[in-house]
Amino acid sequence: MKRSLLLAVLLLFCGLSQAQNYKQHPLFIYSFTRYIQWPDTYSQGDFEILVLGDSPLIEELKALAQSKKVGDRAIKILKINSVSEIRKCNMLFIPADKSGQMSEVLQKIDTQSVLLMTEQPGLGAQSCINFIIKDGRLAFELNQAALTKRNLKASNELTRIATMI
């Protein structure tokens, strides 16, 4: 029942107009925590989300992290300034202005079980989730091959609402 309610809320926000102001991104990202399954070794300690570079998303995620948890795990948001700072985490967000570093990011995370999220048209083929604007609305592409490579599993509910790559 709770999963259906979360999915309904996510679908509602999919239908609202979005102009990259990052107000809706945290809801999507938080929903992903419920619909993506990580290996057991990534299910201990804080739930860590890294953001490469400066992005308005950081403050939005920090506000969300103050009131939400992933199960019983606190959500920790960390800004990193370079690819060399990438370390074990649950999620990694690459803003559009850092998308030129994608090949370095992919080399760094290799097959680690990191949900790699981007927001640049065309990067859905390389990342796990790529935020897009579709028909004037925030949406996302889901790359099943990238998830499988990183030993992550998406629920059927998530794959139903995603644009599949």
Foldseek 3Di string as FASTA:
>chain_A
DVLVVLLVVLVVQQPDFDDQPLLCVLSVVVNQLVFKDFPPVQVDAAQEEEEEDDDPNQVNNVVVQVPDGSVPHGYDYYYDHDLVPDDDHAEYEYEPVRVVCLVVNCVSCVQANYQYEYADPPCQCPGQKYWYQDPRGTAIEGEPVSNVSNVMDGHPSNVVRHNYD
